[in-house]
Amino acid sequence: MIRRVHGAALLALAAATFAPFTTAPAVADAPFTAPRVTFAGTAPGTVTATLHNPNDRGQCWAEAGIGPDNNHAFFGEAKPESLAGPGQTVETSLTGLESGSTITARGGCADTSPAGGYELGETVTVVVP
């Protein structure tokens, strides 16, 4: 038995059948990653970090462990101009270090979205000029 399907019924059937294919998928936030950072001795007692925030959100910083007790310090004293916003690259320095000593340094990024959290980069050893 062959039945005719009227135009309105065919349109409703097609819309119901293909609706899942036309609905846009939910877009997830891009993965949140640690900063890209390089450290270099730039003057006697000074180490400079070139810090890039590869994310579309959050802020990134550079930090160090200094001396035999690995005392914590932020490059640029964590002032706003020493922090890299989304997609930004900044240069920031740590001064007053003992020439010839070594520090451990790394970068980190804090996710300021509702998801929160943070990512830390690899720790490296830097010789202070």
C-alpha atoms as a PDB file:
ATOM      1  CA  MET A   1       0.000   0.000   0.000  1.00  0.00           C
ATOM      2  CA  ILE A   2       1.344   3.371  -1.005  1.00  0.00           C
ATOM      3  CA  ARG A   3       0.322   6.464   0.909  1.00  0.00           C
ATOM      4  CA  ARG A   4       0.785  10.017  -0.095  1.00  0.00           C
ATOM      5  CA  VAL A   5       2.477  12.295   2.379  1.00  0.00           C
ATOM      6  CA  HIS A   6       1.222  15.853   2.225  1.00  0.00           C
ATOM      7  CA  GLY A   7       3.690  18.753   2.003  1.00  0.00           C
ATOM      8  CA  ALA A   8       3.156  19.979   5.582  1.00  0.00           C
ATOM      9  CA  ALA A   9       3.533  16.492   7.010  1.00  0.00           C
ATOM     10  CA  LEU A  10       6.684  15.899   4.936  1.00  0.00           C
ATOM     11  CA  LEU A  11       8.191  19.164   6.122  1.00  0.00           C
ATOM     12  CA  ALA A  12       7.474  18.289   9.780  1.00  0.00           C
ATOM     13  CA  LEU A  13       8.951  14.817   9.320  1.00  0.00           C
ATOM     14  CA  ALA A  14      12.096  16.215   7.675  1.00  0.00           C
ATOM     15  CA  ALA A  15      12.524  18.830  10.401  1.00  0.00           C
ATOM     16  CA  ALA A  16      12.227  16.212  13.132  1.00  0.00           C
ATOM     17  CA  THR A  17      14.585  13.828  11.352  1.00  0.00           C
ATOM     18  CA  PHE A  18      17.340  16.330  10.596  1.00  0.00           C
ATOM     19  CA  ALA A  19      17.067  18.606  13.662  1.00  0.00           C
ATOM     20  CA  PRO A  20      19.878  16.801  15.529  1.00  0.00           C
ATOM     21  CA  PHE A  21      22.210  17.453  12.579  1.00  0.00           C
ATOM     22  CA  THR A  22      21.519  21.177  12.446  1.00  0.00           C
ATOM     23  CA  THR A  23      21.872  21.906  16.153  1.00  0.00           C
ATOM     24  CA  ALA A  24      25.257  23.428  16.906  1.00  0.00           C
ATOM     25  CA  PRO A  25      27.315  21.411  19.383  1.00  0.00           C
ATOM     26  CA  ALA A  26      28.173  23.000  22.696  1.00  0.00           C
ATOM     27  CA  VAL A  27      31.587  24.639  22.554  1.00  0.00           C
ATOM     28  CA  ALA A  28      33.839  23.748  25.473  1.00  0.00           C
ATOM     29  CA  ASP A  29      36.403  26.164  26.845  1.00  0.00           C
ATOM     30  CA  ALA A  30      39.824  25.808  25.272  1.00  0.00           C
ATOM     31  CA  PRO A  31      42.236  23.740  27.386  1.00  0.00           C
ATOM     32  CA  PHE A  32      44.011  25.832  30.004  1.00  0.00           C
ATOM     33  CA  THR A  33      47.812  25.520  29.930  1.00  0.00           C
ATOM     34  CA  ALA A  34      50.942  26.738  31.691  1.00  0.00           C
ATOM     35  CA  PRO A  35      52.730  29.783  30.273  1.00  0.00           C
ATOM     36  CA  ARG A  36      55.578  29.707  27.795  1.00  0.00           C
ATOM     37  CA  VAL A  37      58.478  31.294  29.658  1.00  0.00           C
ATOM     38  CA  THR A  38      62.211  31.727  29.201  1.00  0.00           C
ATOM     39  CA  PHE A  39      64.660  32.942  31.822  1.00  0.00           C
ATOM     40  CA  ALA A  40      67.983  34.675  31.207  1.00  0.00           C
ATOM     41  CA  GLY A  41      70.606  36.440  33.280  1.00  0.00           C
ATOM     42  CA  THR A  42      70.524  39.966  31.866  1.00  0.00           C
ATOM     43  CA  ALA A  43      72.789  41.978  34.201  1.00  0.00           C
ATOM     44  CA  PRO A  44      74.824  41.373  37.364  1.00  0.00           C
ATOM     45  CA  GLY A  45      72.345  40.181  39.999  1.00  0.00           C
ATOM     46  CA  THR A  46      69.381  40.247  37.584  1.00  0.00           C
ATOM     47  CA  VAL A  47      67.367  37.481  35.907  1.00  0.00           C
ATOM     48  CA  THR A  48      64.675  38.387  33.378  1.00  0.00           C
ATOM     49  CA  ALA A  49      61.662  36.279  32.457  1.00  0.00           C
ATOM     50  CA  THR A  50      59.957  36.560  29.077  1.00  0.00           C
ATOM     51  CA  LEU A  51      56.491  35.272  29.813  1.00  0.00           C
ATOM     52  CA  HIS A  52      53.673  34.487  27.358  1.00  0.00           C
ATOM     53  CA  ASN A  53      50.097  33.609  28.349  1.00  0.00           C
ATOM     54  CA  PRO A  54      48.880  31.212  25.626  1.00  0.00           C
ATOM     55  CA  ASN A  55      45.347  31.104  27.040  1.00  0.00           C
ATOM     56  CA  ASP A  56      42.184  33.026  26.188  1.00  0.00           C
ATOM     57  CA  ARG A  57      41.650  33.793  29.875  1.00  0.00           C
ATOM     58  CA  GLY A  58      43.529  34.145  33.156  1.00  0.00           C
ATOM     59  CA  GLN A  59      46.808  35.706  34.240  1.00  0.00           C
ATOM     60  CA  CYS A  60      50.335  34.288  34.196  1.00  0.00           C
ATOM     61  CA  TRP A  61      53.353  35.065  36.363  1.00  0.00           C
ATOM     62  CA  ALA A  62      56.984  34.045  36.914  1.00  0.00           C
ATOM     63  CA  GLU A  63      58.331  32.971  40.301  1.00  0.00           C
ATOM     64  CA  ALA A  64      61.613  31.816  41.795  1.00  0.00           C
ATOM     65  CA  GLY A  65      63.160  29.970  44.701  1.00  0.00           C
ATOM     66  CA  ILE A  66      66.218  31.834  45.993  1.00  0.00           C
ATOM     67  CA  GLY A  67      69.123  30.824  48.224  1.00  0.00           C
ATOM     68  CA  PRO A  68      69.733  27.724  50.299  1.00  0.00           C
ATOM     69  CA  ASP A  69      66.249  27.943  51.850  1.00  0.00           C
ATOM     70  CA  ASN A  70      64.625  28.309  48.403  1.00  0.00           C
ATOM     71  CA  ASN A  71      62.882  31.524  49.503  1.00  0.00           C
ATOM     72  CA  HIS A  72      59.923  32.325  47.267  1.00  0.00           C
ATOM     73  CA  ALA A  73      59.818  35.524  45.196  1.00  0.00           C
ATOM     74  CA  PHE A  74      57.719  36.756  42.284  1.00  0.00           C
ATOM     75  CA  PHE A  75      59.397  38.381  39.292  1.00  0.00           C
ATOM     76  CA  GLY A  76      58.478  42.062  39.118  1.00  0.00           C
ATOM     77  CA  GLU A  77      57.198  41.827  42.704  1.00  0.00           C
ATOM     78  CA  ALA A  78      53.920  40.510  41.172  1.00  0.00           C
ATOM     79  CA  LYS A  79      52.951  44.053  40.190  1.00  0.00           C
ATOM     80  CA  PRO A  80      50.200  44.235  37.556  1.00  0.00           C
ATOM     81  CA  GLU A  81      52.680  45.072  34.783  1.00  0.00           C
ATOM     82  CA  SER A  82      54.591  41.836  35.526  1.00  0.00           C
ATOM     83  CA  LEU A  83      51.532  39.659  34.834  1.00  0.00           C
ATOM     84  CA  ALA A  84      50.603  38.421  31.344  1.00  0.00           C
ATOM     85  CA  GLY A  85      46.929  38.598  30.457  1.00  0.00           C
ATOM     86  CA  PRO A  86      45.264  36.456  27.782  1.00  0.00           C
ATOM     87  CA  GLY A  87      47.482  36.290  24.694  1.00  0.00           C
ATOM     88  CA  GLN A  88      50.005  38.777  26.139  1.00  0.00           C
ATOM     89  CA  THR A  89      53.774  38.565  26.424  1.00  0.00           C
ATOM     90  CA  VAL A  90      55.615  40.525  29.118  1.00  0.00           C
ATOM     91  CA  GLU A  91      59.205  40.843  30.289  1.00  0.00           C
ATOM     92  CA  THR A  92      59.734  41.047  34.019  1.00  0.00           C
ATOM     93  CA  SER A  93      62.837  40.875  36.184  1.00  0.00           C
ATOM     94  CA  LEU A  94      64.072  39.712  39.538  1.00  0.00           C
ATOM     95  CA  THR A  95      66.850  41.968  40.842  1.00  0.00           C
ATOM     96  CA  GLY A  96      69.183  42.102  43.834  1.00  0.00           C
ATOM     97  CA  LEU A  97      70.275  38.492  43.450  1.00  0.00           C
ATOM     98  CA  GLU A  98      73.749  37.291  44.415  1.00  0.00           C
ATOM     99  CA  SER A  99      75.981  37.084  41.337  1.00  0.00           C
ATOM    100  CA  GLY A 100      77.221  33.565  40.684  1.00  0.00           C
ATOM    101  CA  SER A 101      74.386  31.940  42.629  1.00  0.00           C
ATOM    102  CA  THR A 102      71.593  29.874  41.122  1.00  0.00           C
ATOM    103  CA  ILE A 103      67.835  30.192  41.436  1.00  0.00           C
ATOM    104  CA  THR A 104      65.023  27.839  40.514  1.00  0.00           C
ATOM    105  CA  ALA A 105      62.367  29.476  38.378  1.00  0.00           C
ATOM    106  CA  ARG A 106      59.061  28.625  36.735  1.00  0.00           C
ATOM    107  CA  GLY A 107      55.939  30.233  35.367  1.00  0.00           C
ATOM    108  CA  GLY A 108      52.327  29.688  36.287  1.00  0.00           C
ATOM    109  CA  CYS A 109      48.892  30.693  35.043  1.00  0.00           C
ATOM    110  CA  ALA A 110      45.696  31.120  37.073  1.00  0.00           C
ATOM    111  CA  ASP A 111      42.370  30.468  35.348  1.00  0.00           C
ATOM    112  CA  THR A 112      40.063  33.358  36.244  1.00  0.00           C
ATOM    113  CA  SER A 113      36.988  31.721  34.678  1.00  0.00           C
ATOM    114  CA  PRO A 114      34.352  30.053  36.862  1.00  0.00           C
ATOM    115  CA  ALA A 115      36.180  26.736  36.323  1.00  0.00           C
ATOM    116  CA  GLY A 116      39.188  28.130  38.251  1.00  0.00           C
ATOM    117  CA  GLY A 117      42.446  26.300  38.867  1.00  0.00           C
ATOM    118  CA  TYR A 118      46.010  26.897  37.765  1.00  0.00           C
ATOM    119  CA  GLU A 119      48.806  25.355  35.724  1.00  0.00           C
ATOM    120  CA  LEU A 120      52.510  25.507  36.585  1.00  0.00           C
ATOM    121  CA  GLY A 121      55.394  25.167  34.145  1.00  0.00           C
ATOM    122  CA  GLU A 122      58.542  23.108  34.552  1.00  0.00           C
ATOM    123  CA  THR A 123      61.056  24.326  37.136  1.00  0.00           C
ATOM    124  CA  VAL A 124      64.432  25.300  35.687  1.00  0.00           C
ATOM    125  CA  THR A 125      67.738  26.291  37.270  1.00  0.00           C
ATOM    126  CA  VAL A 126      69.145  29.667  36.254  1.00  0.00           C
ATOM    127  CA  VAL A 127      72.662  30.972  36.972  1.00  0.00           C
ATOM    128  CA  VAL A 128      72.634  34.584  38.143  1.00  0.00           C
ATOM    129  CA  PRO A 129      75.212  36.705  36.278  1.00  0.00           C
END
